[in-house]
Amino acid sequence: MIFLVAIHHPDNYDGSLEGEGMMRDIDALNEEMAARGARFFAGGLQPPTDAKSLRAQPGGKVIVTDGPYLETKEHIGGFWLLEAADMDEAVEWGRKAVIACRAPVEVRQFLGNSASAKS
C-alpha cells in the first residue's frame, strides 16, 4: 500500500533556520527508508507564498492566483511517498519523521492501492 507522510510547517516557517542536526536526522531517515525499500519519493516544498492556486470558472475558464489555495495556519512543507504493509507500518515511519523533522506529520493512505505501485 502507498502512503503519504506529510510534514506540516507553521505559516511563517523559515527553512533557512533548520540546523545541521536536523538535516543529518532527515538524511539518516531517508537512508533508512531507502535501505528498507519503503521510499518512492521524498521532497521539500517551497513556501506557500510561492504557490499558484488555480480555480475553475464557468465556461471552462481557469483563474490563477498567487499564494496557497487554503488560508490556514499550517502548510505542507515536504513529504514522502512510501510503501508500507499497512497503516501501522506507515505510522511508524511517521513517528520517525516527527522526530527527524521536529514538526507535526500527517500519514494518509492513497485511494485504491492495495497492490504495490512497484509491481
C-alpha atoms as a PDB file:
ATOM      1  CA  MET A   1       0.000   0.000   0.000  1.00  0.00           C
ATOM      2  CA  ILE A   2       1.153   3.512  -0.749  1.00  0.00           C
ATOM      3  CA  PHE A   3       1.114   6.247   1.878  1.00  0.00           C
ATOM      4  CA  LEU A   4       1.775   9.953   2.020  1.00  0.00           C
ATOM      5  CA  VAL A   5       3.767  11.112   5.051  1.00  0.00           C
ATOM      6  CA  ALA A   6       3.411  14.909   5.040  1.00  0.00           C
ATOM      7  CA  ILE A   7       5.368  17.356   7.183  1.00  0.00           C
ATOM      8  CA  HIS A   8       3.382  20.386   8.395  1.00  0.00           C
ATOM      9  CA  HIS A   9       5.068  23.734   8.974  1.00  0.00           C
ATOM     10  CA  PRO A  10       3.556  26.871  10.511  1.00  0.00           C
ATOM     11  CA  ASP A  11       2.624  29.656   8.124  1.00  0.00           C
ATOM     12  CA  ASN A  12       5.718  31.709   8.982  1.00  0.00           C
ATOM     13  CA  TYR A  13       8.206  28.780   8.826  1.00  0.00           C
ATOM     14  CA  ASP A  14      11.742  29.737   7.830  1.00  0.00           C
ATOM     15  CA  GLY A  15      13.530  26.706   6.390  1.00  0.00           C
ATOM     16  CA  SER A  16      16.848  28.531   6.473  1.00  0.00           C
ATOM     17  CA  LEU A  17      16.822  28.097  10.262  1.00  0.00           C
ATOM     18  CA  GLU A  18      16.939  24.293  10.070  1.00  0.00           C
ATOM     19  CA  GLY A  19      20.080  23.212  11.855  1.00  0.00           C
ATOM     20  CA  GLU A  20      22.719  20.738  10.743  1.00  0.00           C
ATOM     21  CA  GLY A  21      21.488  18.212  13.315  1.00  0.00           C
ATOM     22  CA  MET A  22      18.025  18.229  11.826  1.00  0.00           C
ATOM     23  CA  MET A  23      19.387  17.844   8.293  1.00  0.00           C
ATOM     24  CA  ARG A  24      21.525  14.883   9.432  1.00  0.00           C
ATOM     25  CA  ASP A  25      18.462  13.281  11.071  1.00  0.00           C
ATOM     26  CA  ILE A  26      16.391  13.711   7.908  1.00  0.00           C
ATOM     27  CA  ASP A  27      19.218  12.309   5.745  1.00  0.00           C
ATOM     28  CA  ALA A  28      19.530   9.301   8.067  1.00  0.00           C
ATOM     29  CA  LEU A  29      15.770   8.702   7.891  1.00  0.00           C
ATOM     30  CA  ASN A  30      15.865   8.918   4.090  1.00  0.00           C
ATOM     31  CA  GLU A  31      18.710   6.404   4.002  1.00  0.00           C
ATOM     32  CA  GLU A  32      16.830   4.031   6.318  1.00  0.00           C
ATOM     33  CA  MET A  33      13.679   4.274   4.207  1.00  0.00           C
ATOM     34  CA  ALA A  34      15.652   3.608   1.017  1.00  0.00           C
ATOM     35  CA  ALA A  35      17.530   0.683   2.562  1.00  0.00           C
ATOM     36  CA  ARG A  36      14.230  -0.919   3.608  1.00  0.00           C
ATOM     37  CA  GLY A  37      12.706  -0.362   0.166  1.00  0.00           C
ATOM     38  CA  ALA A  38       9.933   1.818   1.577  1.00  0.00           C
ATOM     39  CA  ARG A  39      10.616   5.162  -0.090  1.00  0.00           C
ATOM     40  CA  PHE A  40       9.356   6.021  -3.585  1.00  0.00           C
ATOM     41  CA  PHE A  41       9.976   9.737  -3.385  1.00  0.00           C
ATOM     42  CA  ALA A  42      10.731  12.446  -0.864  1.00  0.00           C
ATOM     43  CA  GLY A  43      10.928  16.185  -1.235  1.00  0.00           C
ATOM     44  CA  GLY A  44      10.582  19.542   0.392  1.00  0.00           C
ATOM     45  CA  LEU A  45       8.358  22.294  -0.942  1.00  0.00           C
ATOM     46  CA  GLN A  46       8.907  25.991  -1.475  1.00  0.00           C
ATOM     47  CA  PRO A  47       6.941  28.223   0.931  1.00  0.00           C
ATOM     48  CA  PRO A  48       3.202  28.635   0.301  1.00  0.00           C
ATOM     49  CA  THR A  49       3.789  32.284  -0.615  1.00  0.00           C
ATOM     50  CA  ASP A  50       5.440  30.973  -3.808  1.00  0.00           C
ATOM     51  CA  ALA A  51       2.422  28.792  -4.700  1.00  0.00           C
ATOM     52  CA  LYS A  52      -0.064  29.355  -7.516  1.00  0.00           C
ATOM     53  CA  SER A  53      -3.702  28.394  -6.978  1.00  0.00           C
ATOM     54  CA  LEU A  54      -5.971  27.510  -9.877  1.00  0.00           C
ATOM     55  CA  ARG A  55      -9.759  27.559  -9.756  1.00  0.00           C
ATOM     56  CA  ALA A  56     -12.239  26.512 -12.425  1.00  0.00           C
ATOM     57  CA  GLN A  57     -14.688  29.166 -13.577  1.00  0.00           C
ATOM     58  CA  PRO A  58     -17.853  28.942 -15.670  1.00  0.00           C
ATOM     59  CA  GLY A  59     -17.284  28.446 -19.373  1.00  0.00           C
ATOM     60  CA  GLY A  60     -14.139  26.373 -18.926  1.00  0.00           C
ATOM     61  CA  LYS A  61     -12.004  29.295 -17.802  1.00  0.00           C
ATOM     62  CA  VAL A  62      -9.382  28.968 -15.072  1.00  0.00           C
ATOM     63  CA  ILE A  63      -8.277  31.700 -12.699  1.00  0.00           C
ATOM     64  CA  VAL A  64      -4.686  31.599 -11.462  1.00  0.00           C
ATOM     65  CA  THR A  65      -3.849  33.495  -8.263  1.00  0.00           C
ATOM     66  CA  ASP A  66      -0.726  33.881  -6.159  1.00  0.00           C
ATOM     67  CA  GLY A  67      -0.445  32.010  -2.890  1.00  0.00           C
ATOM     68  CA  PRO A  68      -1.875  28.848  -1.384  1.00  0.00           C
ATOM     69  CA  TYR A  69      -5.352  27.554  -2.171  1.00  0.00           C
ATOM     70  CA  LEU A  70      -6.312  27.376   1.501  1.00  0.00           C
ATOM     71  CA  GLU A  71      -5.764  30.097   4.054  1.00  0.00           C
ATOM     72  CA  THR A  72      -4.535  28.131   7.041  1.00  0.00           C
ATOM     73  CA  LYS A  73      -2.015  28.471   9.825  1.00  0.00           C
ATOM     74  CA  GLU A  74      -0.053  25.416   8.619  1.00  0.00           C
ATOM     75  CA  HIS A  75       1.034  24.147   5.221  1.00  0.00           C
ATOM     76  CA  ILE A  76       2.727  21.035   3.894  1.00  0.00           C
ATOM     77  CA  GLY A  77       6.456  21.729   3.911  1.00  0.00           C
ATOM     78  CA  GLY A  78       7.597  18.409   2.493  1.00  0.00           C
ATOM     79  CA  PHE A  79       6.557  14.801   2.129  1.00  0.00           C
ATOM     80  CA  TRP A  80       7.464  11.193   1.488  1.00  0.00           C
ATOM     81  CA  LEU A  81       5.653   8.673  -0.685  1.00  0.00           C
ATOM     82  CA  LEU A  82       6.168   5.315   0.974  1.00  0.00           C
ATOM     83  CA  GLU A  83       5.220   1.707   0.506  1.00  0.00           C
ATOM     84  CA  ALA A  84       4.118   0.049   3.735  1.00  0.00           C
ATOM     85  CA  ALA A  85       2.221  -3.139   4.539  1.00  0.00           C
ATOM     86  CA  ASP A  86      -0.470  -1.243   6.432  1.00  0.00           C
ATOM     87  CA  MET A  87      -1.302   1.959   8.308  1.00  0.00           C
ATOM     88  CA  ASP A  88       0.551   0.771  11.424  1.00  0.00           C
ATOM     89  CA  GLU A  89       3.823   0.443   9.496  1.00  0.00           C
ATOM     90  CA  ALA A  90       3.263   3.814   7.808  1.00  0.00           C
ATOM     91  CA  VAL A  91       2.625   5.425  11.213  1.00  0.00           C
ATOM     92  CA  GLU A  92       5.941   4.013  12.461  1.00  0.00           C
ATOM     93  CA  TRP A  93       7.682   5.854   9.602  1.00  0.00           C
ATOM     94  CA  GLY A  94       5.639   8.916  10.544  1.00  0.00           C
ATOM     95  CA  ARG A  95       6.905   8.686  14.127  1.00  0.00           C
ATOM     96  CA  LYS A  96      10.480   8.750  12.853  1.00  0.00           C
ATOM     97  CA  ALA A  97       9.643  11.700  10.589  1.00  0.00           C
ATOM     98  CA  VAL A  98       8.221  13.694  13.519  1.00  0.00           C
ATOM     99  CA  ILE A  99      11.486  13.228  15.402  1.00  0.00           C
ATOM    100  CA  ALA A 100      13.765  13.928  12.421  1.00  0.00           C
ATOM    101  CA  CYS A 101      11.833  16.957  11.134  1.00  0.00           C
ATOM    102  CA  ARG A 102      10.855  18.366  14.519  1.00  0.00           C
ATOM    103  CA  ALA A 103       7.415  19.119  13.087  1.00  0.00           C
ATOM    104  CA  PRO A 104       3.924  17.612  13.023  1.00  0.00           C
ATOM    105  CA  VAL A 105       3.312  14.854  10.476  1.00  0.00           C
ATOM    106  CA  GLU A 106       0.197  13.513   8.772  1.00  0.00           C
ATOM    107  CA  VAL A 107       0.020   9.953   7.383  1.00  0.00           C
ATOM    108  CA  ARG A 108      -2.595   9.137   4.743  1.00  0.00           C
ATOM    109  CA  GLN A 109      -3.125   6.148   2.503  1.00  0.00           C
ATOM    110  CA  PHE A 110      -3.687   6.674  -1.218  1.00  0.00           C
ATOM    111  CA  LEU A 111      -7.089   5.580  -2.502  1.00  0.00           C
ATOM    112  CA  GLY A 112      -7.419   2.179  -4.143  1.00  0.00           C
ATOM    113  CA  ASN A 113      -3.846   0.992  -3.816  1.00  0.00           C
ATOM    114  CA  SER A 114      -3.958  -2.380  -2.161  1.00  0.00           C
ATOM    115  CA  ALA A 115      -1.217  -3.599  -4.526  1.00  0.00           C
ATOM    116  CA  SER A 116       2.304  -2.271  -4.636  1.00  0.00           C
ATOM    117  CA  ALA A 117       2.994   0.549  -7.084  1.00  0.00           C
ATOM    118  CA  LYS A 118       6.416  -1.007  -7.681  1.00  0.00           C
ATOM    119  CA  SER A 119       4.915  -4.057  -9.418  1.00  0.00           C
END
